[in-house]
Structure formats: C-alpha cells, structure tokens
Amino acid sequence: MTRSPATPLPPPKARRRLREAAALTQTQLATRVNVTRATIRAWESGRTAPRGRKREAYARLLKTLAEEDAARRTRSAPPPEPAPTPEPASVLEPVSGPASDTASDPVSGPEKGSEPEPGSGSEPEPVPEPAPEHPALTPAQAFDALYEFSAPALVRQAYLLTGRRELARESVERAFQTAWERWPEVARDRDPVGWVRATAYEFALSPWQRFRPRHRQPEPPPADPGDRTLLNALLRLGPQHRRTLVLYDGVGLDLPETAAETEASTPAAANRLLHARETVAGRLPALADPRVLHQRLTELASAERLWAAKPTGVRKGGERRARFRTRAAIAFTVALIGATALTVRTAPTHYEPAVSPGVAVRGVPPRVAPGSLSEAERELRQKLRDRLQDGPERLEPRLE
C-alpha cells in the first residue's frame, strides 16, 4: 500500500515570520490549530514536524496567513531600499550564497539555416556550443561538501559555548551524524548549516554532559590572559544567555533568527542579549562596544587549535551508531517476545483461590489448669469409683 505524500510546509523560519506578520502569539496560533504552545514552538524551530491532520490544519492556516501577508504587502508597496553593503565574513560562520554561474554573452552569429549574402565572401561564424552541465552530487558528496564548509566554524562556536575542545568537536560530529541520518530533510532545508548548528548547540549545552567522567576534569585554559578572562566571563553566563550572545555577536545572526534558533520570543532574546552584554562588560569594560566584542570573540575562537574529523569518518560513525541502535532495538524486541512467550507458557490455566488469612476467634474462655479438689468433689469421685467397680445391679425379668 502506497503512502500519500505529506502536505508541504514552508521552512521553520518562514512559519515564524508569517505568525509575527499576522501579530499572533504562539498561544493564539496553538489555539487555532488545537495544539499546545510548546508544540508550535517546536514546529517553528524545526525540531519536530507536524503529522497527519495537525499538519494539514497547520498548512491551511499558514497558507491563509501567507495570503493575508501578500495582500498587506500589495496595499502598502513601500519603495525599494538600497542593498546593504556586505560585511567581511567572520571566522565564526562561513558565508555562503546560492551558486550562480556568470559568463559573458557569446557573440551572436547568423541564425541557423541562413545563407551568406552573395558576393560578401564571408562565411557564417560557428555557433558556440553550450557549456556542459555539472553532474549532480550524490548524497555522500553533498554531505562531505557541507561538512568541509561549515564544520571548522561550528567547532569554534561550540568551543565558545562550552570552553572544552573535545566536547566542541564531539558535539559537531554528533550533529553531523544526526544530519546524515536525516539527510533528505536536511538537504531540502533552506539553511542546512543552521540546522546542524542548532543540533550541535543542543548537544553541547545538554545538562547531562556534566555526568560524563571524561568531562569532569578541567581542560587547560587559553594561554593568553585576556582570552582566559573572556572565556571565564562567557562561561559564567547561563546557557541560553551564552548561546544568544554567540549567535548574535559572534555568528552575526539577526535578532528574529536568534530568537527562532533559541526557541524564544524576540523580546526575550533581546533581553537575554542585553543581560549577557552587561555581564561581560562588567568584567571587561573594554568590550562594551558590540563591534569590539565581536572581534574579541573571533580572536578567541581563532586562537585555539581546534580540529574536526574527516567527513568520511563522521558518516561511517553515524552509520555504525544507526546499526547499533537498530540491533539493540531488535534484541530488545526479541527479548520482550521471549519473556512474553515464557510467561504465557508457565502461567496457570485455572483459577486457584488464595488461602484466606487466619482470623482470631474471640469470646473463648482461657484454658485454666486443674487445682485442688474440694471435700464434696472428693466424695463424688470416690462414689463414682465404687459404683464403677461393683457395676450396676442386674435386672432380671420376673413373671407376675
């Protein structure tokens, strides 16, 4: 039986933009779709995807919001703004754009089938052949290209979040392994680097990392005293404040994108950013300027010698983990089936009433030991003994 295709949905960032353009809160949107606010927040961050009837209702609502937004834009129609001047790329985040092949227009010659004018003595110029198209990349090649492009920057960002070199590398590798397991979804995403970045941040800031023995021992701090002070100031921040500061001042995301990636509202993300800046500026007053803070974060991430594994090893490691989980699930299922079969085989086939517990009987006089006999009791005992010895009188029948 074939499964019907799922209803298409816009990307997570577009869902959030449509909701904010309609001036709706997550709670109001959740009420209209008949789900919880946490579910809407997970859908807008891309962590989960709706299914079934909820997906259809959510898609219809987003389509309505998109039509209303298009109508509002048509009515307003503001004049086009000049394009902003591109800033230099930061080492914390590689800058990428859609690939566009630019080539000069070839000199057009006479059309095919036309003949030269008589007496001109000139021959038609050959029409240049079109350039051969680049072959499509295989999933493995596309994954390797994405890994080589973004892995080094993501490792540096994870180091700013955790202050641990090994944990930063492991977080990025685990994020890419998860991306390889869900590669069809990641490959269609408009921002695959953002998808992997969000997964790596979640793993790096997980509270369960503190219970791992390998991460209990402290790592050597940076050699430069200024870098040590800045790293300590970052680690004193809360996980969400630290993540917001790295995304906005380190990576360079906009405030709505930062709020969407941290699963918070835009005002909440702004408050976290201001609090983080004040905390860092309190320890390092020279970093009160956001531009200086961005430069220092870039220098701190670039000063450490961080490395990332080869993409082939990451893919193979993810495949090994997937096989291990599959085999573990199969073994657990077989053990569960065996335990169920054993229980059914050894279970009793008829009802056996349970033995009722003992109940104390009340009202019975206590057992008394025999005491000394009185004079009357002695006489009675002697009388009975005598009569039993002689026996009763014999009755004889007589005729009258």
Protein backbone atom coordinates (compact mmCIF):
# COMPACT_ATOMS: atom_id res chain seq x y z
CA MET A 1 0.00 0.00 0.00
CA THR A 2 1.47 3.37 -1.00
CA ARG A 3 1.54 6.22 1.46
CA SER A 4 0.05 9.54 0.39
CA PRO A 5 2.59 12.40 0.20
CA ALA A 6 2.69 14.74 3.18
CA THR A 7 1.26 18.24 2.88
CA PRO A 8 4.11 20.68 2.03
CA LEU A 9 5.01 23.27 4.64
CA PRO A 10 7.17 26.40 4.47
CA PRO A 11 10.56 26.36 6.25
CA PRO A 12 10.55 26.87 10.06
CA LYS A 13 11.82 30.46 9.81
CA ALA A 14 9.08 31.32 7.30
CA ARG A 15 6.46 29.89 9.67
CA ARG A 16 7.64 32.16 12.45
CA ARG A 17 7.76 35.16 10.11
CA LEU A 18 4.19 34.57 8.94
CA ARG A 19 2.95 34.32 12.53
CA GLU A 20 4.72 37.52 13.59
CA ALA A 21 3.49 39.33 10.45
CA ALA A 22 -0.07 38.46 11.45
CA ALA A 23 0.59 39.77 15.01
CA LEU A 24 -0.24 36.38 16.53
CA THR A 25 1.39 34.87 19.59
CA GLN A 26 2.35 31.23 19.82
CA THR A 27 -0.51 30.65 22.25
CA GLN A 28 -3.07 32.16 19.86
CA LEU A 29 -1.76 30.12 16.95
CA ALA A 30 -1.76 26.97 19.09
CA THR A 31 -5.43 27.59 19.97
CA ARG A 32 -6.35 27.85 16.29
CA VAL A 33 -4.56 24.62 15.43
CA ASN A 34 -5.76 22.90 18.64
CA VAL A 35 -2.28 22.07 19.96
CA THR A 36 -0.10 23.30 22.81
CA ARG A 37 2.22 26.32 22.77
CA ALA A 38 5.26 24.05 23.18
CA THR A 39 4.26 22.19 20.01
CA ILE A 40 4.09 25.42 17.99
CA ARG A 41 7.49 26.46 19.35
CA ALA A 42 8.98 23.11 18.31
CA TRP A 43 7.46 23.40 14.82
CA GLU A 44 8.81 26.91 14.32
CA SER A 45 12.30 25.93 15.44
CA GLY A 46 12.37 22.90 13.13
CA ARG A 47 12.99 20.46 15.98
CA THR A 48 9.83 18.49 15.17
CA ALA A 49 7.43 18.38 12.23
CA PRO A 50 3.63 18.10 12.32
CA ARG A 51 1.95 14.97 11.04
CA GLY A 52 -1.46 13.79 9.96
CA ARG A 53 -4.43 16.05 10.45
CA LYS A 54 -2.42 18.51 12.53
CA ARG A 55 -0.08 19.01 9.58
CA GLU A 56 -2.99 19.68 7.21
CA ALA A 57 -4.60 22.17 9.58
CA TYR A 58 -1.27 23.90 10.19
CA ALA A 59 -0.57 24.08 6.44
CA ARG A 60 -4.01 25.60 5.73
CA LEU A 61 -3.53 28.20 8.46
CA LEU A 62 -0.06 29.15 7.19
CA LYS A 63 -1.42 29.44 3.66
CA THR A 64 -4.10 31.81 4.90
CA LEU A 65 -1.53 33.89 6.79
CA ALA A 66 0.70 34.00 3.67
CA GLU A 67 -2.19 35.25 1.53
CA GLU A 68 -3.03 37.93 4.09
CA ASP A 69 0.61 38.98 4.28
CA ALA A 70 0.83 39.19 0.48
CA ALA A 71 -2.31 41.32 0.41
CA ARG A 72 -0.88 43.69 3.02
CA ARG A 73 2.38 43.99 1.10
CA THR A 74 0.47 44.75 -2.09
CA ARG A 75 -1.52 47.51 -0.44
CA SER A 76 1.48 49.13 1.22
CA ALA A 77 4.10 48.62 -1.57
CA PRO A 78 6.96 50.64 0.01
CA PRO A 79 9.75 51.95 -2.24
CA PRO A 80 12.71 49.57 -2.64
CA GLU A 81 15.54 50.13 -0.21
CA PRO A 82 19.18 50.17 -1.33
CA ALA A 83 21.00 46.90 -0.81
CA PRO A 84 23.23 46.92 2.28
CA THR A 85 26.96 46.76 1.89
CA PRO A 86 28.16 43.20 2.56
CA GLU A 87 30.33 42.83 5.64
CA PRO A 88 33.50 40.76 5.69
CA ALA A 89 32.99 37.12 6.56
CA SER A 90 33.75 36.06 10.10
CA VAL A 91 35.71 33.02 11.08
CA LEU A 92 32.85 32.02 13.34
CA GLU A 93 30.41 31.46 10.49
CA PRO A 94 31.16 30.81 6.82
CA VAL A 95 29.18 32.98 4.44
CA SER A 96 27.54 31.13 1.59
CA GLY A 97 25.07 32.08 -1.06
CA PRO A 98 23.24 30.46 -3.95
CA ALA A 99 25.63 29.27 -6.62
CA SER A 100 25.22 31.32 -9.78
CA ASP A 101 27.35 30.74 -12.84
CA THR A 102 28.14 34.05 -14.52
CA ALA A 103 29.50 34.14 -18.03
CA SER A 104 29.71 36.79 -20.69
CA ASP A 105 27.19 36.56 -23.52
CA PRO A 106 28.75 34.99 -26.61
CA VAL A 107 28.86 36.95 -29.81
CA SER A 108 25.76 36.01 -31.73
CA GLY A 109 26.27 34.80 -35.27
CA PRO A 110 23.84 34.31 -38.10
CA GLU A 111 20.85 32.15 -37.39
CA LYS A 112 20.87 28.51 -38.28
CA GLY A 113 19.80 27.88 -41.81
CA SER A 114 20.59 31.42 -43.10
CA GLU A 115 22.89 31.80 -46.03
CA PRO A 116 25.54 34.47 -46.52
CA GLU A 117 24.83 37.25 -48.91
CA PRO A 118 26.20 36.66 -52.36
CA GLY A 119 29.48 38.36 -53.07
CA SER A 120 30.21 39.07 -49.47
CA GLY A 121 32.93 36.41 -49.32
CA SER A 122 32.34 35.86 -45.61
CA GLU A 123 31.38 32.55 -44.07
CA PRO A 124 28.95 32.26 -41.15
CA GLU A 125 30.58 32.16 -37.75
CA PRO A 126 30.12 28.88 -35.85
CA VAL A 127 27.61 28.97 -33.03
CA PRO A 128 29.38 28.23 -29.69
CA GLU A 129 28.30 25.03 -28.04
CA PRO A 130 26.68 25.30 -24.59
CA ALA A 131 28.92 24.58 -21.64
CA PRO A 132 28.50 21.08 -20.21
CA GLU A 133 26.38 20.92 -17.12
CA HIS A 134 27.95 19.90 -13.83
CA PRO A 135 26.93 16.41 -12.75
CA ALA A 136 24.59 16.22 -9.79
CA LEU A 137 26.25 15.45 -6.48
CA THR A 138 25.49 12.23 -4.69
CA PRO A 139 24.15 12.46 -1.12
CA ALA A 140 27.56 11.49 0.26
CA GLN A 141 29.34 14.13 -1.82
CA ALA A 142 26.82 16.82 -0.82
CA PHE A 143 27.22 15.87 2.85
CA ASP A 144 31.02 15.97 2.59
CA ALA A 145 30.88 19.41 0.95
CA LEU A 146 28.60 20.75 3.70
CA TYR A 147 30.84 19.27 6.40
CA GLU A 148 34.07 20.66 4.97
CA PHE A 149 32.44 24.07 4.51
CA SER A 150 30.91 24.55 7.97
CA ALA A 151 32.48 22.08 10.43
CA PRO A 152 35.57 24.16 11.39
CA ALA A 153 33.47 27.25 12.16
CA LEU A 154 30.93 25.20 14.14
CA VAL A 155 33.69 23.65 16.26
CA ARG A 156 34.94 27.14 17.17
CA GLN A 157 31.42 28.24 18.07
CA ALA A 158 30.88 25.17 20.25
CA TYR A 159 34.18 25.93 21.99
CA LEU A 160 32.90 29.39 22.93
CA LEU A 161 29.77 27.75 24.38
CA THR A 162 31.49 25.05 26.42
CA GLY A 163 35.13 26.06 26.89
CA ARG A 164 36.09 22.43 26.13
CA ARG A 165 37.89 21.46 22.95
CA GLU A 166 36.98 17.78 22.93
CA LEU A 167 33.32 18.43 23.74
CA ALA A 168 33.12 21.02 20.96
CA ARG A 169 34.48 18.58 18.40
CA GLU A 170 32.23 15.76 19.63
CA SER A 171 29.14 17.99 19.56
CA VAL A 172 29.70 18.96 15.93
CA GLU A 173 30.38 15.35 14.92
CA ARG A 174 27.22 14.13 16.64
CA ALA A 175 25.22 16.90 14.97
CA PHE A 176 26.51 15.93 11.52
CA GLN A 177 25.84 12.26 12.23
CA THR A 178 22.25 13.16 13.05
CA ALA A 179 22.10 15.22 9.86
CA TRP A 180 23.36 12.25 7.83
CA GLU A 181 20.67 10.02 9.34
CA ARG A 182 18.03 12.59 8.33
CA TRP A 183 19.78 13.77 5.19
CA PRO A 184 16.69 14.04 2.90
CA GLU A 185 15.16 16.52 5.34
CA VAL A 186 18.42 18.44 5.89
CA ALA A 187 19.24 18.60 2.17
CA ARG A 188 15.87 20.25 1.41
CA ASP A 189 16.23 22.76 4.24
CA ARG A 190 16.88 26.36 3.20
CA ASP A 191 19.63 26.69 5.81
CA PRO A 192 21.31 23.30 6.37
CA VAL A 193 24.16 24.95 8.29
CA GLY A 194 21.63 26.43 10.72
CA TRP A 195 20.00 23.02 11.13
CA VAL A 196 23.33 21.42 12.07
CA ARG A 197 24.29 24.40 14.26
CA ALA A 198 21.11 24.14 16.33
CA THR A 199 21.65 20.39 16.84
CA ALA A 200 25.30 20.89 17.83
CA TYR A 201 24.38 23.64 20.32
CA GLU A 202 21.72 21.44 21.92
CA PHE A 203 24.19 18.59 22.40
CA ALA A 204 26.98 20.87 23.66
CA LEU A 205 24.76 22.61 26.24
CA SER A 206 22.97 19.46 27.41
CA PRO A 207 22.94 19.26 31.23
CA TRP A 208 23.75 15.54 31.03
CA GLN A 209 27.29 16.34 29.90
CA ARG A 210 28.31 17.13 33.48
CA PHE A 211 27.76 13.48 34.48
CA ARG A 212 30.19 12.09 31.92
CA PRO A 213 33.51 11.09 33.54
CA ARG A 214 35.61 12.41 30.65
CA HIS A 215 34.15 15.90 31.02
CA ARG A 216 34.52 16.23 34.79
CA GLN A 217 38.23 17.03 34.65
CA PRO A 218 39.09 20.65 33.70
CA GLU A 219 40.92 21.33 30.45
CA PRO A 220 43.95 23.63 30.06
CA PRO A 221 42.80 27.26 29.74
CA PRO A 222 43.89 29.54 26.88
CA ALA A 223 47.46 30.78 27.04
CA ASP A 224 46.62 34.49 26.70
CA PRO A 225 45.38 36.11 29.97
CA GLY A 226 42.83 38.23 28.08
CA ASP A 227 41.41 35.16 26.37
CA ARG A 228 41.15 33.37 29.72
CA THR A 229 39.25 36.29 31.24
CA LEU A 230 36.86 36.48 28.28
CA LEU A 231 36.25 32.74 28.28
CA ASN A 232 35.57 32.75 32.04
CA ALA A 233 33.13 35.63 31.56
CA LEU A 234 31.30 33.65 28.87
CA LEU A 235 31.13 30.51 30.99
CA ARG A 236 29.67 32.49 33.91
CA LEU A 237 26.62 33.27 31.77
CA GLY A 238 23.62 31.00 31.69
CA PRO A 239 23.41 28.54 28.78
CA GLN A 240 20.65 30.44 26.98
CA HIS A 241 22.30 33.85 27.50
CA ARG A 242 25.64 32.45 26.30
CA ARG A 243 24.00 30.92 23.23
CA THR A 244 22.20 34.16 22.38
CA LEU A 245 25.40 36.18 22.71
CA VAL A 246 27.39 33.81 20.48
CA LEU A 247 24.67 33.72 17.81
CA TYR A 248 24.11 37.47 17.68
CA ASP A 249 27.52 38.99 18.40
CA GLY A 250 29.66 36.05 17.33
CA VAL A 251 27.94 34.49 14.33
CA GLY A 252 26.12 37.66 13.29
CA LEU A 253 22.51 36.47 13.05
CA ASP A 254 19.60 38.89 13.18
CA LEU A 255 17.53 39.14 16.34
CA PRO A 256 14.47 37.26 14.93
CA GLU A 257 16.72 34.46 13.65
CA THR A 258 18.48 34.30 17.02
CA ALA A 259 15.13 34.13 18.80
CA ALA A 260 13.91 31.37 16.48
CA GLU A 261 17.05 29.27 16.95
CA THR A 262 16.95 29.62 20.74
CA GLU A 263 13.18 28.89 20.79
CA ALA A 264 12.32 32.18 22.45
CA SER A 265 10.32 35.25 21.57
CA THR A 266 12.06 38.24 20.05
CA PRO A 267 11.71 40.42 23.21
CA ALA A 268 13.04 37.57 25.36
CA ALA A 269 16.04 37.13 23.06
CA ALA A 270 16.70 40.89 23.19
CA ASN A 271 16.61 40.86 27.00
CA ARG A 272 18.99 37.90 27.12
CA LEU A 273 21.37 39.66 24.76
CA LEU A 274 21.38 42.87 26.80
CA HIS A 275 21.91 40.96 30.06
CA ALA A 276 24.79 38.98 28.54
CA ARG A 277 26.45 42.11 27.22
CA GLU A 278 26.15 43.84 30.59
CA THR A 279 27.66 40.85 32.38
CA VAL A 280 30.60 40.62 30.01
CA ALA A 281 31.13 44.39 30.08
CA GLY A 282 31.10 44.31 33.89
CA ARG A 283 34.15 42.04 33.89
CA LEU A 284 35.75 43.51 30.76
CA PRO A 285 34.73 47.19 30.31
CA ALA A 286 36.64 47.39 27.03
CA LEU A 287 34.08 45.02 25.44
CA ALA A 288 31.10 47.31 25.97
CA ASP A 289 31.13 48.12 22.25
CA PRO A 290 29.43 45.26 20.29
CA ARG A 291 31.92 45.58 17.43
CA VAL A 292 34.86 45.14 19.79
CA LEU A 293 33.08 42.20 21.42
CA HIS A 294 32.56 40.55 18.02
CA GLN A 295 36.25 41.00 17.20
CA ARG A 296 37.37 39.55 20.54
CA LEU A 297 35.06 36.54 20.16
CA THR A 298 36.52 35.92 16.72
CA GLU A 299 40.07 36.18 18.05
CA LEU A 300 39.32 33.85 20.96
CA ALA A 301 37.83 31.21 18.67
CA SER A 302 40.70 31.51 16.19
CA ALA A 303 43.49 31.36 18.78
CA GLU A 304 42.72 27.77 19.83
CA ARG A 305 43.99 24.86 17.78
CA LEU A 306 40.73 23.05 17.12
CA TRP A 307 40.32 20.28 14.61
CA ALA A 308 37.48 18.31 13.09
CA ALA A 309 37.42 14.74 11.85
CA LYS A 310 37.21 13.80 8.19
CA PRO A 311 33.70 13.73 6.70
CA THR A 312 34.10 10.08 5.70
CA GLY A 313 34.80 9.10 9.31
CA VAL A 314 31.81 11.09 10.53
CA ARG A 315 29.49 9.41 8.05
CA LYS A 316 30.79 5.95 8.93
CA GLY A 317 30.49 6.72 12.64
CA GLY A 318 26.87 7.78 12.19
CA GLU A 319 26.14 4.62 10.22
CA ARG A 320 27.72 2.48 12.95
CA ARG A 321 25.60 4.20 15.60
CA ALA A 322 22.48 3.66 13.50
CA ARG A 323 23.30 -0.04 13.06
CA PHE A 324 23.98 -0.39 16.78
CA ARG A 325 20.65 1.19 17.70
CA THR A 326 18.84 -0.99 15.18
CA ARG A 327 20.42 -4.16 16.53
CA ALA A 328 19.73 -3.09 20.10
CA ALA A 329 16.08 -2.46 19.23
CA ILE A 330 15.84 -5.87 17.54
CA ALA A 331 17.48 -7.60 20.54
CA PHE A 332 15.14 -5.82 22.94
CA THR A 333 12.13 -6.81 20.85
CA VAL A 334 13.25 -10.46 20.72
CA ALA A 335 13.83 -10.47 24.49
CA LEU A 336 10.39 -8.97 25.06
CA ILE A 337 8.76 -11.56 22.81
CA GLY A 338 10.64 -14.37 24.58
CA ALA A 339 9.63 -13.13 28.03
CA THR A 340 6.02 -12.85 26.91
CA ALA A 341 6.05 -16.38 25.47
CA LEU A 342 7.62 -17.77 28.67
CA THR A 343 5.01 -16.01 30.79
CA VAL A 344 2.18 -17.39 28.67
CA ARG A 345 3.70 -20.90 28.79
CA THR A 346 4.20 -21.00 32.56
CA ALA A 347 1.08 -19.11 33.59
CA PRO A 348 -1.66 -21.18 35.39
CA THR A 349 -4.60 -22.26 33.24
CA HIS A 350 -7.23 -22.37 36.04
CA TYR A 351 -8.11 -20.28 38.99
CA GLU A 352 -6.70 -21.26 42.35
CA PRO A 353 -8.33 -19.46 45.25
CA ALA A 354 -5.93 -17.98 47.64
CA VAL A 355 -5.72 -19.27 51.20
CA SER A 356 -7.58 -16.90 53.44
CA PRO A 357 -5.51 -15.47 56.23
CA GLY A 358 -6.11 -16.65 59.79
CA VAL A 359 -8.66 -14.78 61.91
CA ALA A 360 -8.54 -14.64 65.70
CA VAL A 361 -11.67 -16.08 67.40
CA ARG A 362 -12.83 -14.01 70.28
CA GLY A 363 -15.04 -14.94 73.29
CA VAL A 364 -13.39 -18.31 74.14
CA PRO A 365 -12.59 -18.59 77.88
CA PRO A 366 -8.97 -19.05 78.68
CA ARG A 367 -7.74 -22.52 79.44
CA VAL A 368 -7.34 -22.98 83.20
CA ALA A 369 -5.07 -25.57 84.83
CA PRO A 370 -6.78 -28.02 87.35
CA GLY A 371 -6.44 -27.05 91.01
CA SER A 372 -7.00 -28.86 94.36
CA LEU A 373 -10.35 -30.71 94.84
CA SER A 374 -12.79 -29.71 97.44
CA GLU A 375 -14.29 -32.15 100.01
CA ALA A 376 -17.51 -32.57 98.03
CA GLU A 377 -15.56 -33.27 94.85
CA ARG A 378 -13.52 -35.93 96.63
CA GLU A 379 -16.64 -37.68 97.92
CA LEU A 380 -18.20 -37.63 94.46
CA ARG A 381 -15.06 -39.06 92.92
CA GLN A 382 -14.92 -41.86 95.48
CA LYS A 383 -18.59 -42.65 94.96
CA LEU A 384 -18.13 -42.93 91.25
CA ARG A 385 -15.14 -45.19 91.63
CA ASP A 386 -17.01 -47.52 93.94
CA ARG A 387 -20.03 -47.83 91.69
CA LEU A 388 -17.95 -48.47 88.64
CA GLN A 389 -16.06 -51.21 90.43
CA ASP A 390 -19.17 -53.09 91.59
CA GLY A 391 -21.09 -52.39 88.44
CA PRO A 392 -24.79 -51.70 88.13
CA GLU A 393 -27.42 -54.08 89.52
CA ARG A 394 -28.52 -56.82 87.16
CA LEU A 395 -32.10 -56.70 86.06
CA GLU A 396 -33.89 -59.99 85.78
CA PRO A 397 -37.31 -60.50 84.21
CA ARG A 398 -39.99 -61.87 86.52
CA LEU A 399 -43.49 -63.18 85.97
CA GLU A 400 -46.19 -61.61 87.94
